[in-house]
Every structure is written in C-alpha cells, then in structure tokens.
Amino acid sequence: MNKMKVGIIYGGRSGEHEVSIRSASSVFKYLDRSKFEPIPIYIDKTGTWHWVTPKSDTLGVANDSPEVVLLPRPHRLNGEAKAIFAFQDQAHFGKKESVDLLMPLVHGTNGEDGTLQGLLDSAEIPYTGGGVLSSALCMDKEVAKRLAEHADIPVVPYRVAHVWDSPTKLQILLTDVEKNFGFPVFVKAAGQGSSLGVFKVKAREHFLSILQETFKYDTKVLIERAIHAREIEFGVLENPNPADPPLVTKPAEIIPGEEFYTYEDKYSDSSKAIAKIPAEIDGELKEKLTRLVQKIFTTLQCEGYARIDLFLDRENGAFYFNEVNTLPGFTSISMFPKTWEVSGIGYTDLLTKLIDLSLLRYKRRSKILREKV
C-alpha cells in the first residue's frame, strides 16, 4: 500500500515560532508510519520555506535546508490532488516534490489566522484544521466575542482600543473602564496567541502606558474586566457527519503558576502551572459546558479541530467564553492531545482522525461548482 505523503508545515514569522517547532517535532515523531510518510516543511523567520530532510525524530530550525515554493495552482496526478513544491536553490533548481496533504502547525500570525489556509485553498490542497473563515474569526478575539454575543453566548465584559485612537479617545476609554470595570483589568492584543501581548493592569496610572506596550503586538487591543475564575479547556473534533454535534473531550483545568496563564507559564521548563485532566466539575455543569462548547464551535464556523477555553467565575458560578484556538499546541504534553488521550483517543490515532476529517472536507468542497453550467 502506498503511504500518503503528509507535509508538516511549521515555524513561521510569528512570536510562536518556537512553539510551532515543538508541535511539529511531536507530530513528526508520532504520526502513524504504517499509513503516512511525514514530510517536514519549515518556514523560517523571514518567511522562506524549506524542504527538510530530518536527521532524527526531533525537528528544529532548518535554515540551511533547500528553499522551496508551493506552486499556488491546483495539480492532479492520477486524479488525486497534490501539493507541488519547486526547489529554488541553485543546487536543486528545477527539482519538484509533491505531497498528498498538508498539516499546518504554524501557530499565530500568518499560520493560524486564515492567511496560510487561503493559500492552500487557492491551490486546492487538502489540509488539516480550520478553513479561512473560522481561522480568521477565531484569531481575532474581538470579532469572535462579538459573534458569540450575537448567539447569546456569555462573554466577559470588554472594550476595544485601536492604535490610531486619539489621546482624547483613550482618556475617555480610561474613564469608561475605571467606572464600569474597575481595576485590575486585562489588556490583550486582539490577534495574538499563547498569551503574547497579554498584560494585567492593576492601577489606573499604568493603563495608558501598558496599552501602548500592547499595541506593539497588534493594532487592535481588547480590554477585559478581570474576574477571579477557573480556566477550563475542552478539545473539540468536527463530527465526521457535520450535521451532527461536534465531539468534545472531558474538561481540563489549568491552574496557573503565576498570576495568570502567561507565555512563560505555558512553555517554560520552570513553569509551575498544573493541568487537571479531567477537571473537577459535577456532571450537570459538565453537560451544560459541553453543550456550550459545541455551540461555540458551530457558531464560529469551526472545522476539523479546535481547543475551546472557558472561564468559570469562582465567586458567582457564572461561565464565559474566553477564546477558540483553531491550531492548538500539539506537543505530547499539550492540552489538546492530552484531553483527547484522557477521553479515549491516543495521540497517534488523533492525528489520523484529523487527516481523515480533512479528506472528508476536501471531498465535500471538491463538488462545489466553479463556473456557471
């Protein structure tokens, strides 16, 4: 049996470059070799793509690997879709390689926000994870919350600021935040992940300066009321029959090792964060949260898979939608694969399911008419 060639795209130009390398290394190591041949494709920090020939199970920075470009047009070989990569370096110029399916593992900007997905759609290549629409919607925290509110999904009260807002407008915002939220508040870059560009503002006099610091990470910033909450996470898979509700894991709870779940707390070797899987949540509440997670997944047009994070207010028991991660971390200890492992699907089988789901979606989309008949 011919093995399917799966291109693992990793790296990228975002602040989550190193996280992406870890995810890709784990996927490369645990992908079912009896069915698939993994092909690592590294995007360096300049945005250049490289065809990687790994020397071990661990992937890493591969700037010295041959440069390639993805040919952005549909290709068919023996009736099957193929992603064609053309080599650009002098030693291999003119050479081409193909893969059958792509697995994007580029976290953050230009990987998780719909831009990479748009390129793959243009070339009509099957790929895992969310499509253009869901990726873009979920990456923008403010737009995701706005749509959630429209669907009567509870969210933590928030305000929005833009880098072009005048000093007068920002002063009015400060007055509004102090009056309606009080301090502390959380200030978040709207389009970042892994807690990059997230700050806790404890006093009025620090608000405007921290706002300017956050604008270094994005042109739009979210200001949220701080609540004393439990952080609850669920893994979600699209149902093979998309008319049926998505499949949801048992809940997990993150207990931060710092004041809140920072980038360092997530990825540092010295992190003191604790993950409880499954979380201690009673059956009735767990069912309610599961239905909420399913509603969030469908409301935001998610496909393939996602991790959905909620807040549970410790003081009044209220629950809120926090965010959707359409391309969650995929190391062997990341929350998405761990929640599925506890829920009965091991890491290798989970990867196979993601590939199967992407092929089902590709099959559905390939039937769409592209010209008038």
Protein backbone atom coordinates (compact mmCIF):
# COMPACT_ATOMS: atom_id res chain seq x y z
CA MET A 1 0.00 0.00 0.00
CA ASN A 2 1.34 3.41 -0.95
CA LYS A 3 1.68 5.67 2.04
CA MET A 4 0.09 9.11 1.96
CA LYS A 5 2.71 11.87 2.00
CA VAL A 6 1.80 14.38 4.70
CA GLY A 7 3.57 17.72 4.61
CA ILE A 8 4.07 19.10 8.13
CA ILE A 9 4.35 22.88 7.84
CA TYR A 10 5.99 24.51 10.86
CA GLY A 11 7.93 27.54 12.07
CA GLY A 12 6.62 30.81 10.65
CA ARG A 13 7.10 34.51 11.30
CA SER A 14 5.04 34.86 14.48
CA GLY A 15 6.11 35.06 18.11
CA GLU A 16 5.03 31.43 18.44
CA HIS A 17 7.77 30.15 16.12
CA GLU A 18 9.47 28.05 18.79
CA VAL A 19 6.14 26.60 19.99
CA SER A 20 5.40 25.56 16.42
CA ILE A 21 8.73 23.71 16.20
CA ARG A 22 7.82 21.74 19.33
CA SER A 23 4.40 20.84 17.98
CA ALA A 24 5.82 19.73 14.63
CA SER A 25 8.52 17.61 16.26
CA SER A 26 5.91 15.75 18.23
CA VAL A 27 3.62 15.23 15.23
CA PHE A 28 6.57 14.05 13.13
CA LYS A 29 7.55 11.55 15.81
CA TYR A 30 4.10 10.08 16.46
CA LEU A 31 2.42 10.12 13.03
CA ASP A 32 1.40 6.58 12.06
CA ARG A 33 4.25 5.43 9.79
CA SER A 34 2.25 2.43 8.59
CA LYS A 35 -0.14 4.84 6.80
CA PHE A 36 1.73 8.10 6.33
CA GLU A 37 5.11 9.44 5.29
CA PRO A 38 5.77 12.74 7.09
CA ILE A 39 7.50 15.46 5.07
CA PRO A 40 8.68 18.42 7.20
CA ILE A 41 8.42 21.84 5.56
CA TYR A 42 9.98 24.62 7.61
CA ILE A 43 9.13 28.33 7.34
CA ASP A 44 11.96 30.41 8.75
CA LYS A 45 11.59 33.76 10.49
CA THR A 46 11.99 35.64 7.20
CA GLY A 47 9.07 33.73 5.68
CA THR A 48 11.23 31.50 3.45
CA TRP A 49 10.04 27.90 3.03
CA HIS A 50 12.49 24.96 3.30
CA TRP A 51 12.27 21.28 2.36
CA VAL A 52 13.66 19.45 5.38
CA THR A 53 15.39 16.07 5.48
CA PRO A 54 15.41 15.31 9.21
CA LYS A 55 18.34 13.52 10.77
CA SER A 56 16.37 12.39 13.83
CA ASP A 57 12.86 12.36 15.30
CA THR A 58 13.38 15.92 16.53
CA LEU A 59 12.69 18.78 14.13
CA GLY A 60 14.21 22.18 14.60
CA VAL A 61 15.44 25.30 12.86
CA ALA A 62 16.37 24.30 9.31
CA ASN A 63 17.57 27.48 7.60
CA ASP A 64 20.24 25.52 5.71
CA SER A 65 17.69 23.18 4.07
CA PRO A 66 16.84 23.71 0.37
CA GLU A 67 14.45 26.59 -0.31
CA VAL A 68 11.13 25.70 -1.93
CA VAL A 69 7.96 27.43 -3.01
CA LEU A 70 4.46 25.99 -3.06
CA LEU A 71 3.08 26.31 -6.57
CA PRO A 72 -0.24 28.11 -5.97
CA ARG A 73 -2.32 26.32 -8.56
CA PRO A 74 -4.28 23.07 -8.50
CA HIS A 75 -2.39 19.94 -9.52
CA ARG A 76 -3.75 16.49 -10.22
CA LEU A 77 -1.64 13.36 -10.56
CA ASN A 78 -3.59 10.19 -11.39
CA GLY A 79 -6.76 12.03 -10.45
CA GLU A 80 -5.53 12.89 -6.94
CA ALA A 81 -4.81 16.37 -5.60
CA LYS A 82 -1.14 17.10 -4.96
CA ALA A 83 0.78 19.95 -3.41
CA ILE A 84 3.76 20.63 -5.66
CA PHE A 85 6.89 22.24 -4.22
CA ALA A 86 9.51 23.69 -6.58
CA PHE A 87 13.09 23.94 -5.34
CA GLN A 88 14.70 27.38 -5.59
CA ASP A 89 18.30 26.88 -4.52
CA GLN A 90 20.98 26.55 -7.20
CA ALA A 91 21.95 23.01 -6.27
CA HIS A 92 18.39 21.68 -6.74
CA PHE A 93 16.89 24.22 -9.14
CA GLY A 94 14.23 22.65 -11.37
CA LYS A 95 13.54 19.80 -8.96
CA LYS A 96 9.96 19.32 -7.74
CA GLU A 97 8.45 17.26 -4.95
CA SER A 98 4.82 16.51 -4.15
CA VAL A 99 2.77 15.74 -1.04
CA ASP A 100 -0.80 14.47 -0.78
CA LEU A 101 -1.98 16.52 2.18
CA LEU A 102 -0.68 19.36 4.33
CA MET A 103 -0.81 19.66 8.08
CA PRO A 104 -0.32 23.32 9.09
CA LEU A 105 1.30 23.64 12.52
CA VAL A 106 2.27 27.29 12.20
CA HIS A 107 0.83 28.88 15.33
CA GLY A 108 -0.13 32.55 15.42
CA THR A 109 0.15 35.22 12.75
CA ASN A 110 0.32 34.07 9.10
CA GLY A 111 -0.40 30.49 10.11
CA GLU A 112 -3.47 30.39 12.29
CA ASP A 113 -5.30 33.48 11.06
CA GLY A 114 -6.55 32.22 7.69
CA THR A 115 -3.70 33.52 5.52
CA LEU A 116 -1.95 30.16 5.13
CA GLN A 117 -5.31 28.43 4.76
CA GLY A 118 -6.19 30.80 1.91
CA LEU A 119 -3.00 29.84 0.06
CA LEU A 120 -3.80 26.15 0.45
CA ASP A 121 -7.40 26.66 -0.68
CA SER A 122 -6.19 28.54 -3.76
CA ALA A 123 -4.05 25.56 -4.69
CA GLU A 124 -6.96 23.21 -3.87
CA ILE A 125 -4.86 21.11 -1.49
CA PRO A 126 -6.38 19.06 1.35
CA TYR A 127 -5.19 20.28 4.76
CA THR A 128 -5.98 19.67 8.40
CA GLY A 129 -7.70 22.10 10.74
CA GLY A 130 -9.96 25.07 10.25
CA GLY A 131 -10.54 26.85 6.96
CA VAL A 132 -10.06 30.50 6.09
CA LEU A 133 -13.24 31.80 7.70
CA SER A 134 -13.05 30.05 11.07
CA SER A 135 -9.31 30.67 11.36
CA ALA A 136 -9.72 34.41 10.77
CA LEU A 137 -12.77 34.73 13.03
CA CYS A 138 -11.25 32.89 15.97
CA MET A 139 -7.85 34.56 15.72
CA ASP A 140 -9.47 37.97 16.22
CA LYS A 141 -10.57 37.87 19.86
CA GLU A 142 -12.87 40.86 19.50
CA VAL A 143 -14.71 39.60 16.42
CA ALA A 144 -15.08 36.15 17.99
CA LYS A 145 -16.62 37.68 21.11
CA ARG A 146 -18.91 39.89 19.06
CA LEU A 147 -20.28 36.88 17.17
CA ALA A 148 -20.56 34.88 20.38
CA GLU A 149 -22.62 37.65 21.99
CA HIS A 150 -24.91 37.71 18.96
CA ALA A 151 -25.54 33.98 19.54
CA ASP A 152 -26.30 34.57 23.26
CA ILE A 153 -23.01 33.01 24.36
CA PRO A 154 -21.83 34.75 27.55
CA VAL A 155 -18.52 36.64 27.38
CA VAL A 156 -16.57 38.68 29.92
CA PRO A 157 -17.43 42.40 29.51
CA TYR A 158 -14.86 44.12 27.31
CA ARG A 159 -13.90 47.25 25.43
CA VAL A 160 -11.75 47.76 22.31
CA ALA A 161 -8.94 50.22 21.51
CA HIS A 162 -7.04 50.82 18.26
CA VAL A 163 -3.52 52.07 17.73
CA TRP A 164 -4.89 55.06 15.77
CA ASP A 165 -7.21 56.21 18.56
CA SER A 166 -6.53 59.80 19.63
CA PRO A 167 -5.23 60.65 23.12
CA THR A 168 -8.63 62.17 23.88
CA LYS A 169 -10.42 58.96 22.89
CA LEU A 170 -8.06 56.87 25.01
CA GLN A 171 -8.69 59.13 28.00
CA ILE A 172 -12.43 58.62 27.54
CA LEU A 173 -11.79 54.88 27.33
CA LEU A 174 -9.81 55.00 30.58
CA THR A 175 -12.67 56.77 32.35
CA ASP A 176 -15.15 54.22 30.97
CA VAL A 177 -13.01 51.24 32.03
CA GLU A 178 -12.46 52.62 35.52
CA LYS A 179 -16.16 53.35 36.01
CA ASN A 180 -17.59 50.10 34.60
CA PHE A 181 -14.85 47.52 35.26
CA GLY A 182 -12.58 48.95 37.93
CA PHE A 183 -9.01 47.73 38.28
CA PRO A 184 -7.38 45.33 37.71
CA VAL A 185 -8.25 44.67 34.05
CA PHE A 186 -6.65 42.52 31.38
CA VAL A 187 -5.30 44.12 28.22
CA LYS A 188 -4.86 41.73 25.29
CA ALA A 189 -3.56 42.02 21.74
CA ALA A 190 -6.62 41.02 19.71
CA GLY A 191 -4.81 38.84 17.17
CA GLN A 192 -2.13 37.01 19.14
CA GLY A 193 -2.00 33.58 20.77
CA SER A 194 -0.03 31.80 23.51
CA SER A 195 -0.66 34.78 25.83
CA LEU A 196 1.64 37.01 23.79
CA GLY A 197 0.70 40.66 24.28
CA VAL A 198 -1.39 39.98 27.39
CA PHE A 199 -0.96 42.22 30.42
CA LYS A 200 -2.69 42.64 33.76
CA VAL A 201 -3.19 46.31 34.61
CA LYS A 202 -3.57 46.76 38.35
CA ALA A 203 -3.94 50.52 38.63
CA ARG A 204 -5.35 53.46 36.68
CA GLU A 205 -2.00 55.22 36.31
CA HIS A 206 -0.49 52.29 34.39
CA PHE A 207 -3.37 51.77 31.96
CA LEU A 208 -2.32 54.07 29.10
CA SER A 209 1.35 53.07 29.15
CA ILE A 210 0.52 49.35 29.11
CA LEU A 211 -1.97 49.98 26.32
CA GLN A 212 0.87 51.47 24.23
CA GLU A 213 3.03 48.45 25.06
CA THR A 214 0.26 46.10 23.88
CA PHE A 215 -0.02 47.98 20.57
CA LYS A 216 3.44 46.60 19.76
CA TYR A 217 1.76 43.22 19.32
CA ASP A 218 -1.34 44.28 17.36
CA THR A 219 -3.17 47.35 16.08
CA LYS A 220 -6.31 46.32 17.97
CA VAL A 221 -6.43 45.65 21.70
CA LEU A 222 -9.08 44.12 23.94
CA ILE A 223 -9.68 45.37 27.48
CA GLU A 224 -11.49 42.87 29.71
CA ARG A 225 -12.85 43.06 33.22
CA ALA A 226 -10.73 40.88 35.49
CA ILE A 227 -12.63 38.05 37.15
CA HIS A 228 -11.47 35.50 39.70
CA ALA A 229 -12.02 32.48 37.50
CA ARG A 230 -11.15 28.87 36.91
CA GLU A 231 -9.71 28.29 33.43
CA ILE A 232 -11.47 25.34 31.79
CA GLU A 233 -10.45 23.90 28.42
CA PHE A 234 -12.06 21.40 26.04
CA GLY A 235 -10.75 19.65 22.95
CA VAL A 236 -13.22 19.52 20.07
CA LEU A 237 -13.34 17.47 16.87
CA GLU A 238 -15.66 18.08 13.95
CA ASN A 239 -18.15 15.24 13.66
CA PRO A 240 -17.47 13.07 10.57
CA ASN A 241 -21.10 13.80 9.79
CA PRO A 242 -21.05 17.62 10.03
CA ALA A 243 -24.82 17.67 10.52
CA ASP A 244 -24.27 16.11 13.96
CA PRO A 245 -22.85 17.92 17.01
CA PRO A 246 -19.05 18.13 17.26
CA LEU A 247 -17.25 15.69 19.55
CA VAL A 248 -16.00 17.10 22.85
CA THR A 249 -13.45 15.86 25.39
CA LYS A 250 -13.69 15.73 29.13
CA PRO A 251 -12.91 19.17 30.61
CA ALA A 252 -9.43 20.12 31.72
CA GLU A 253 -8.49 22.82 34.22
CA ILE A 254 -5.36 24.97 34.12
CA ILE A 255 -4.06 26.19 37.46
CA PRO A 256 -1.51 28.90 36.57
CA GLY A 257 1.81 29.00 38.35
CA GLU A 258 1.80 32.81 38.07
CA GLU A 259 -0.87 35.48 38.47
CA PHE A 260 -2.37 34.39 35.18
CA TYR A 261 -1.50 31.89 32.45
CA THR A 262 1.43 33.68 30.77
CA TYR A 263 3.58 32.58 27.82
CA GLU A 264 6.37 31.59 30.24
CA ASP A 265 3.89 29.68 32.39
CA LYS A 266 2.76 27.72 29.34
CA TYR A 267 6.13 26.84 27.82
CA SER A 268 8.98 27.41 30.29
CA ASP A 269 10.71 24.34 31.71
CA SER A 270 10.47 26.01 35.11
CA SER A 271 6.70 26.54 34.85
CA LYS A 272 4.68 25.75 37.97
CA ALA A 273 1.36 25.56 36.14
CA ILE A 274 -0.74 22.47 36.86
CA ALA A 275 -3.16 20.78 34.48
CA LYS A 276 -6.03 18.80 35.98
CA ILE A 277 -7.46 16.32 33.47
CA PRO A 278 -10.30 15.77 33.93
CA ALA A 279 -11.30 18.90 35.82
CA GLU A 280 -13.35 18.55 38.98
CA ILE A 281 -16.74 19.61 37.60
CA ASP A 282 -20.02 17.96 38.51
CA GLY A 283 -21.98 16.05 35.89
CA GLU A 284 -24.79 18.56 35.33
CA LEU A 285 -22.43 21.50 34.88
CA LYS A 286 -20.14 19.43 32.67
CA GLU A 287 -23.05 18.63 30.34
CA LYS A 288 -24.02 22.30 30.24
CA LEU A 289 -20.46 23.36 29.40
CA THR A 290 -20.17 20.65 26.75
CA ARG A 291 -23.28 21.96 25.00
CA LEU A 292 -21.88 25.48 25.22
CA VAL A 293 -18.60 24.37 23.66
CA GLN A 294 -20.48 22.67 20.82
CA LYS A 295 -22.43 25.87 20.23
CA ILE A 296 -19.23 27.95 20.16
CA PHE A 297 -17.61 25.57 17.67
CA THR A 298 -20.55 25.76 15.27
CA THR A 299 -21.24 29.49 15.80
CA LEU A 300 -17.69 30.37 14.78
CA GLN A 301 -17.83 28.00 11.78
CA CYS A 302 -15.01 25.83 13.10
CA GLU A 303 -13.85 22.82 11.10
CA GLY A 304 -11.54 19.92 11.80
CA TYR A 305 -10.50 20.55 15.36
CA ALA A 306 -10.06 23.25 18.00
CA ARG A 307 -9.41 23.86 21.66
CA ILE A 308 -12.07 25.99 23.33
CA ASP A 309 -11.33 27.83 26.59
CA LEU A 310 -13.91 28.97 29.12
CA PHE A 311 -13.86 30.91 32.39
CA LEU A 312 -15.81 29.77 35.46
CA ASP A 313 -16.30 32.63 37.93
CA ARG A 314 -15.32 31.39 41.40
CA GLU A 315 -17.49 33.98 43.10
CA ASN A 316 -20.86 33.54 41.43
CA GLY A 317 -20.55 30.37 39.35
CA ALA A 318 -21.10 32.21 36.04
CA PHE A 319 -19.32 30.86 32.99
CA TYR A 320 -17.95 32.75 29.99
CA PHE A 321 -16.48 32.02 26.58
CA ASN A 322 -12.82 33.05 26.56
CA GLU A 323 -11.36 32.02 23.19
CA VAL A 324 -11.05 29.39 20.47
CA ASN A 325 -7.67 28.11 19.39
CA THR A 326 -8.06 26.65 15.88
CA LEU A 327 -4.47 25.44 15.82
CA PRO A 328 -3.69 24.44 19.41
CA GLY A 329 -0.30 23.28 20.60
CA PHE A 330 0.44 19.70 19.58
CA THR A 331 3.33 18.62 21.75
CA SER A 332 2.80 15.34 23.54
CA ILE A 333 2.02 17.29 26.72
CA SER A 334 -0.16 19.99 25.12
CA MET A 335 -3.71 20.30 26.43
CA PHE A 336 -5.48 19.37 23.19
CA PRO A 337 -3.93 15.90 22.73
CA LYS A 338 -3.88 15.29 26.49
CA THR A 339 -7.63 15.93 26.85
CA TRP A 340 -8.30 13.53 23.97
CA GLU A 341 -6.00 10.91 25.48
CA VAL A 342 -7.96 11.04 28.74
CA SER A 343 -11.16 10.89 26.70
CA GLY A 344 -10.12 7.71 24.93
CA ILE A 345 -8.22 8.72 21.77
CA GLY A 346 -4.43 8.39 21.83
CA TYR A 347 -2.04 10.83 20.17
CA THR A 348 -1.30 8.80 17.03
CA ASP A 349 -4.95 7.89 16.46
CA LEU A 350 -5.90 11.54 16.97
CA LEU A 351 -3.55 12.62 14.19
CA THR A 352 -5.10 10.03 11.88
CA LYS A 353 -8.58 11.34 12.69
CA LEU A 354 -7.52 14.89 11.81
CA ILE A 355 -6.27 13.68 8.44
CA ASP A 356 -9.46 11.68 7.82
CA LEU A 357 -11.58 14.75 8.63
CA SER A 358 -9.57 16.91 6.24
CA LEU A 359 -10.08 14.42 3.42
CA LEU A 360 -13.84 14.34 4.06
CA ARG A 361 -13.95 18.13 3.90
CA TYR A 362 -11.86 18.18 0.73
CA LYS A 363 -14.22 15.68 -0.86
CA ARG A 364 -17.24 17.85 0.01
CA ARG A 365 -15.63 21.03 -1.26
CA SER A 366 -14.40 19.44 -4.49
CA LYS A 367 -18.03 19.01 -5.57
CA ILE A 368 -18.70 22.76 -5.50
CA LEU A 369 -19.30 24.24 -8.96
CA ARG A 370 -16.76 26.88 -10.01
CA GLU A 371 -18.44 28.05 -13.16
CA LYS A 372 -21.96 28.52 -14.47
CA VAL A 373 -23.49 25.46 -16.13
